[in-house]
Amino acid sequence: MFERKVTPPMGTIQEEGQRQRLRIEAAAEAVAAANPGDSPDTVIILGTGLGGLVEEISDKTTIDYSAIPGFPISTAPGHSGQLHFGNIGQHRILCFQGRFHLYEGYSMEDIVMPMRVAARLGVEHAIISNCCGGLSPKLEKGDLLILDDHIHLLGENPLTGMNHDDWGPRFPDMSEPYCRESVGKWLELAQNSGIRASSGVYVAVPGPNLETRAEYRMLRGLGADVVGMSTVPEVIICAHEGIRASAISVVTDLCDPDDLKKVSVEEILEVAAGAEPLLTRLVVQFLQ
């Protein structure tokens, strides 16, 4: 016998939505209290092995995620789990060094909490980085891909549940998830700096295992240039909250289904470390 799926009563949905709201607001209040300067205008979320950018933040103040009430703790390799306040150029920065993933066992509520907290502090622009596998045959290890669109295959959406209308609309538009003007600026800066970069489509999958040859063929056929396990939930929240989003992927391994090589986490971190100075230079130039 199959069990009938019971829809929870509306009161329960509203109570859960209110609980989530209070959790995010409490974390935002703690982060705001720890910020020694002006309110941030830009939030940066750093992906696997890409923490070097924090060295470019001046007048920096750092707190551990564990010091923020109700905040998740990073467990993925290359994610230090620290929040940094400071300045790059004329911009006041809120930098999350470490994110959260479905494969760690975190919920969508946890995964998007950094972006929700940043929105409560009034940020206007988000810069999100990640490591990914290159699906397009035009990509090489260490290349940067400026995201101009994505395919959401995580199976869950961070907007599921009660909508807070003062945060954003029930059905946010996704015709421009990544700021087109910013994409052009990133590409221009990369070209002027001699950095290999192009624009393309990111597909998000749950992980944590890498994909099979058949899956890589499928993802290529869907129109994806790179594949990863993050970023899309945060970008959906940016669309919901009215934050201009930019995202940059570092290609750490090549996903050629006809010549697929084994890859380890150590190799991925090594390639990320090699590309990190290029990513850092590009972000600093963009913010200056």
Protein backbone atom coordinates (compact mmCIF):
# COMPACT_ATOMS: atom_id res chain seq x y z
CA MET A 1 0.00 0.00 0.00
CA PHE A 2 1.26 3.47 -0.89
CA GLU A 3 1.00 6.12 1.77
CA ARG A 4 -0.99 9.18 0.82
CA LYS A 5 1.10 12.36 0.83
CA VAL A 6 -0.47 14.74 3.33
CA THR A 7 -0.20 18.46 2.68
CA PRO A 8 0.80 20.28 5.88
CA PRO A 9 -1.78 22.77 7.19
CA MET A 10 -1.30 26.39 6.24
CA GLY A 11 -0.57 27.31 9.83
CA THR A 12 2.42 24.97 9.83
CA ILE A 13 3.78 26.50 6.60
CA GLN A 14 3.43 29.99 8.02
CA GLU A 15 5.07 28.98 11.29
CA GLU A 16 8.02 27.44 9.43
CA GLY A 17 8.35 30.53 7.26
CA GLN A 18 8.36 32.75 10.33
CA ARG A 19 10.96 30.54 12.00
CA GLN A 20 13.25 30.85 8.96
CA ARG A 21 12.77 34.60 8.87
CA LEU A 22 13.65 35.03 12.55
CA ARG A 23 16.73 32.84 12.12
CA ILE A 24 18.01 34.92 9.20
CA GLU A 25 17.24 38.23 10.92
CA ALA A 26 19.03 37.13 14.10
CA ALA A 27 22.12 36.17 12.10
CA ALA A 28 21.98 39.44 10.16
CA GLU A 29 21.78 41.45 13.38
CA ALA A 30 24.85 39.65 14.75
CA VAL A 31 26.81 40.23 11.54
CA ALA A 32 25.81 43.91 11.46
CA ALA A 33 26.91 44.29 15.08
CA ALA A 34 30.31 42.75 14.27
CA ASN A 35 30.86 45.07 11.28
CA PRO A 36 33.10 47.94 12.43
CA GLY A 37 32.51 50.14 9.38
CA ASP A 38 29.86 51.30 6.95
CA SER A 39 27.20 48.95 5.64
CA PRO A 40 28.51 46.72 2.82
CA ASP A 41 27.48 47.33 -0.78
CA THR A 42 29.04 44.15 -2.21
CA VAL A 43 28.96 40.55 -1.02
CA ILE A 44 31.57 38.05 -2.20
CA ILE A 45 31.13 34.28 -1.81
CA LEU A 46 34.34 32.33 -2.34
CA GLY A 47 34.31 28.75 -3.61
CA THR A 48 36.60 25.76 -3.18
CA GLY A 49 40.25 26.74 -2.79
CA LEU A 50 39.64 30.35 -3.80
CA GLY A 51 40.25 32.12 -0.50
CA GLY A 52 43.24 34.18 -1.61
CA LEU A 53 41.06 37.19 -2.37
CA VAL A 54 40.69 37.90 1.34
CA GLU A 55 44.32 39.10 1.37
CA GLU A 56 43.26 41.99 -0.88
CA ILE A 57 40.71 43.28 1.64
CA SER A 58 41.99 46.31 3.54
CA ASP A 59 40.96 47.31 7.08
CA LYS A 60 39.81 43.73 7.50
CA THR A 61 37.84 42.29 10.39
CA THR A 62 37.28 38.52 10.53
CA ILE A 63 34.82 36.38 12.48
CA ASP A 64 34.20 32.63 12.38
CA TYR A 65 30.87 31.31 11.17
CA SER A 66 30.53 29.63 14.58
CA ALA A 67 30.22 33.12 16.14
CA ILE A 68 27.05 33.86 14.14
CA PRO A 69 23.88 32.55 15.82
CA GLY A 70 22.10 29.88 13.80
CA PHE A 71 24.71 29.98 11.03
CA PRO A 72 25.88 26.74 9.34
CA ILE A 73 29.51 25.55 9.49
CA SER A 74 31.53 24.78 6.33
CA THR A 75 32.69 21.17 5.99
CA ALA A 76 33.82 21.04 2.34
CA PRO A 77 37.58 20.97 1.51
CA GLY A 78 38.99 24.41 0.78
CA HIS A 79 36.23 26.28 2.68
CA SER A 80 37.58 27.96 5.81
CA GLY A 81 34.24 29.07 7.24
CA GLN A 82 35.12 32.69 7.97
CA LEU A 83 33.37 36.00 7.34
CA HIS A 84 35.45 39.07 6.49
CA PHE A 85 34.52 42.76 6.52
CA GLY A 86 36.66 45.38 4.82
CA ASN A 87 37.29 47.41 1.70
CA ILE A 88 38.43 46.83 -1.86
CA GLY A 89 38.74 50.05 -3.81
CA GLN A 90 35.80 52.26 -2.92
CA HIS A 91 33.59 49.30 -2.05
CA ARG A 92 32.66 48.06 1.40
CA ILE A 93 32.91 44.27 1.22
CA LEU A 94 31.18 41.43 3.02
CA CYS A 95 33.15 38.29 2.11
CA PHE A 96 32.05 34.75 2.95
CA GLN A 97 35.08 32.45 2.73
CA GLY A 98 33.27 29.15 2.41
CA ARG A 99 29.79 28.11 1.32
CA PHE A 100 27.38 25.23 1.92
CA HIS A 101 26.21 22.42 -0.37
CA LEU A 102 23.40 19.91 -0.59
CA TYR A 103 25.94 17.07 -0.53
CA GLU A 104 27.08 18.14 2.93
CA GLY A 105 23.57 17.43 4.15
CA TYR A 106 22.56 21.08 4.40
CA SER A 107 19.11 22.31 3.47
CA MET A 108 18.42 25.03 0.92
CA GLU A 109 17.67 27.32 3.86
CA ASP A 110 21.25 26.80 5.09
CA ILE A 111 22.82 27.07 1.63
CA VAL A 112 21.35 30.49 0.88
CA MET A 113 21.69 31.91 4.38
CA PRO A 114 24.83 33.94 3.56
CA MET A 115 23.03 35.66 0.68
CA ARG A 116 19.89 36.23 2.73
CA VAL A 117 21.98 37.76 5.51
CA ALA A 118 23.84 39.94 3.00
CA ALA A 119 20.52 41.16 1.59
CA ARG A 120 19.35 42.17 5.07
CA LEU A 121 22.50 44.31 5.33
CA GLY A 122 21.63 46.13 2.10
CA VAL A 123 24.16 44.82 -0.43
CA GLU A 124 23.53 45.77 -4.05
CA HIS A 125 25.96 43.51 -5.90
CA ALA A 126 27.10 39.91 -5.43
CA ILE A 127 30.26 38.29 -6.77
CA ILE A 128 30.17 34.49 -6.50
CA SER A 129 33.03 32.14 -7.35
CA ASN A 130 33.22 28.38 -7.72
CA CYS A 131 35.30 25.53 -9.08
CA CYS A 132 33.76 23.45 -11.83
CA GLY A 133 34.30 20.81 -14.49
CA GLY A 134 34.70 21.94 -18.08
CA LEU A 135 32.16 20.44 -20.48
CA SER A 136 32.87 22.63 -23.50
CA PRO A 137 35.79 21.34 -25.62
CA LYS A 138 36.95 24.96 -25.93
CA LEU A 139 37.84 25.13 -22.22
CA GLU A 140 41.17 24.27 -20.62
CA LYS A 141 42.18 23.66 -17.02
CA GLY A 142 42.63 26.98 -15.20
CA ASP A 143 40.31 28.91 -17.52
CA LEU A 144 37.79 31.34 -16.08
CA LEU A 145 34.17 31.22 -17.21
CA ILE A 146 32.00 34.27 -16.61
CA LEU A 147 28.50 32.93 -16.12
CA ASP A 148 25.77 34.44 -18.26
CA ASP A 149 23.11 31.78 -17.59
CA HIS A 150 22.56 28.54 -15.73
CA ILE A 151 20.62 25.26 -15.66
CA HIS A 152 19.18 24.28 -12.28
CA LEU A 153 19.31 20.48 -11.73
CA LEU A 154 19.72 20.41 -7.95
CA GLY A 155 16.19 19.12 -7.45
CA GLU A 156 15.32 21.70 -4.79
CA ASN A 157 14.59 25.42 -4.92
CA PRO A 158 15.49 27.91 -2.16
CA LEU A 159 12.21 29.77 -2.73
CA THR A 160 10.03 26.77 -1.86
CA GLY A 161 7.77 27.48 1.08
CA MET A 162 6.31 30.68 2.46
CA ASN A 163 7.27 33.83 0.55
CA HIS A 164 8.14 37.01 2.42
CA ASP A 165 6.75 39.68 0.11
CA ASP A 166 8.89 42.43 1.61
CA TRP A 167 11.98 40.43 0.61
CA GLY A 168 10.94 39.66 -2.94
CA PRO A 169 8.12 38.49 -5.24
CA ARG A 170 6.55 35.04 -5.11
CA PHE A 171 7.53 34.41 -8.74
CA PRO A 172 10.79 36.29 -9.47
CA ASP A 173 11.81 36.82 -13.08
CA MET A 174 14.93 34.93 -14.23
CA SER A 175 15.44 36.44 -17.68
CA GLU A 176 18.71 38.01 -16.50
CA PRO A 177 20.06 36.03 -13.53
CA TYR A 178 23.54 37.40 -14.18
CA CYS A 179 23.95 41.12 -14.82
CA ARG A 180 24.63 41.44 -18.57
CA GLU A 181 26.46 44.73 -18.17
CA SER A 182 28.78 43.15 -15.60
CA VAL A 183 29.44 40.11 -17.83
CA GLY A 184 30.71 42.45 -20.54
CA LYS A 185 32.91 44.29 -18.06
CA TRP A 186 34.43 41.07 -16.70
CA LEU A 187 35.29 39.90 -20.23
CA GLU A 188 36.79 43.28 -21.12
CA LEU A 189 38.96 43.31 -17.99
CA ALA A 190 40.11 39.73 -18.61
CA GLN A 191 41.06 40.49 -22.21
CA ASN A 192 42.98 43.61 -21.20
CA SER A 193 44.85 41.59 -18.55
CA GLY A 194 45.68 38.65 -20.82
CA ILE A 195 43.55 36.25 -18.76
CA ARG A 196 41.86 33.34 -20.54
CA ALA A 197 38.15 33.92 -19.92
CA SER A 198 34.92 33.42 -21.80
CA SER A 199 31.21 33.50 -20.97
CA GLY A 200 28.90 30.53 -20.78
CA VAL A 201 26.32 28.38 -19.03
CA TYR A 202 26.75 26.66 -15.66
CA VAL A 203 24.74 23.57 -14.74
CA ALA A 204 24.29 22.76 -11.05
CA VAL A 205 24.00 19.13 -9.91
CA PRO A 206 23.72 17.76 -6.35
CA GLY A 207 26.99 15.79 -6.12
CA PRO A 208 29.12 14.82 -4.32
CA ASN A 209 30.25 12.23 -6.86
CA LEU A 210 31.53 13.45 -10.18
CA GLU A 211 29.49 12.55 -13.24
CA THR A 212 29.64 9.54 -15.54
CA ARG A 213 30.52 9.75 -19.22
CA ALA A 214 26.84 9.37 -20.14
CA GLU A 215 25.90 12.17 -17.75
CA TYR A 216 28.56 14.47 -19.23
CA ARG A 217 27.14 13.81 -22.69
CA MET A 218 23.65 14.62 -21.41
CA LEU A 219 24.79 17.87 -19.75
CA ARG A 220 26.62 18.93 -22.91
CA GLY A 221 23.45 18.21 -24.88
CA LEU A 222 21.47 20.44 -22.53
CA GLY A 223 23.72 23.35 -23.47
CA ALA A 224 25.98 23.58 -20.41
CA ASP A 225 29.59 24.71 -20.71
CA VAL A 226 30.60 23.77 -17.14
CA VAL A 227 29.18 21.66 -14.32
CA GLY A 228 29.33 22.26 -10.58
CA MET A 229 27.52 21.71 -7.29
CA SER A 230 26.79 25.24 -6.07
CA THR A 231 26.15 28.88 -7.03
CA VAL A 232 22.66 28.56 -8.54
CA PRO A 233 20.78 28.74 -5.19
CA GLU A 234 22.59 31.95 -4.24
CA VAL A 235 21.88 33.46 -7.67
CA ILE A 236 18.18 32.63 -7.34
CA ILE A 237 18.15 34.54 -4.05
CA CYS A 238 19.87 37.49 -5.76
CA ALA A 239 17.06 37.54 -8.33
CA HIS A 240 14.50 37.35 -5.55
CA GLU A 241 16.12 40.13 -3.50
CA GLY A 242 16.99 42.45 -6.43
CA ILE A 243 20.77 42.04 -6.05
CA ARG A 244 22.89 42.29 -9.22
CA ALA A 245 24.77 39.00 -9.52
CA SER A 246 28.10 38.12 -11.10
CA ALA A 247 29.57 34.62 -10.98
CA ILE A 248 32.95 33.29 -12.08
CA SER A 249 33.85 29.63 -12.43
CA VAL A 250 37.39 28.26 -12.37
CA VAL A 251 37.69 25.20 -14.61
CA THR A 252 39.60 22.67 -12.51
CA ASP A 253 39.05 19.47 -14.53
CA LEU A 254 37.98 18.53 -18.03
CA CYS A 255 34.84 16.46 -18.59
CA ASP A 256 35.37 14.98 -22.04
CA PRO A 257 33.16 11.87 -22.20
CA ASP A 258 35.27 10.44 -25.04
CA ASP A 259 38.55 10.85 -23.14
CA LEU A 260 37.59 10.97 -19.48
CA LYS A 261 40.44 10.98 -16.97
CA LYS A 262 40.21 10.19 -13.28
CA VAL A 263 40.48 13.26 -11.04
CA SER A 264 41.05 13.73 -7.31
CA VAL A 265 40.15 16.50 -4.86
CA GLU A 266 43.87 17.20 -4.48
CA GLU A 267 44.21 17.82 -8.23
CA ILE A 268 41.17 20.08 -8.22
CA LEU A 269 42.57 22.15 -5.33
CA GLU A 270 45.93 22.38 -7.09
CA VAL A 271 44.40 23.78 -10.29
CA ALA A 272 42.24 26.16 -8.23
CA ALA A 273 45.33 27.42 -6.41
CA GLY A 274 47.03 28.08 -9.74
CA ALA A 275 44.08 30.07 -11.07
CA GLU A 276 43.41 31.91 -7.83
CA PRO A 277 45.79 34.85 -8.49
CA LEU A 278 44.08 35.47 -11.85
CA LEU A 279 40.64 35.43 -10.27
CA THR A 280 41.82 37.72 -7.48
CA ARG A 281 43.34 40.19 -9.95
CA LEU A 282 40.12 40.25 -11.98
CA VAL A 283 37.88 40.83 -8.96
CA VAL A 284 40.10 43.61 -7.62
CA GLN A 285 40.13 45.34 -11.01
CA PHE A 286 36.35 45.01 -11.28
CA LEU A 287 35.82 46.57 -7.88
CA GLN A 288 38.31 49.36 -8.51
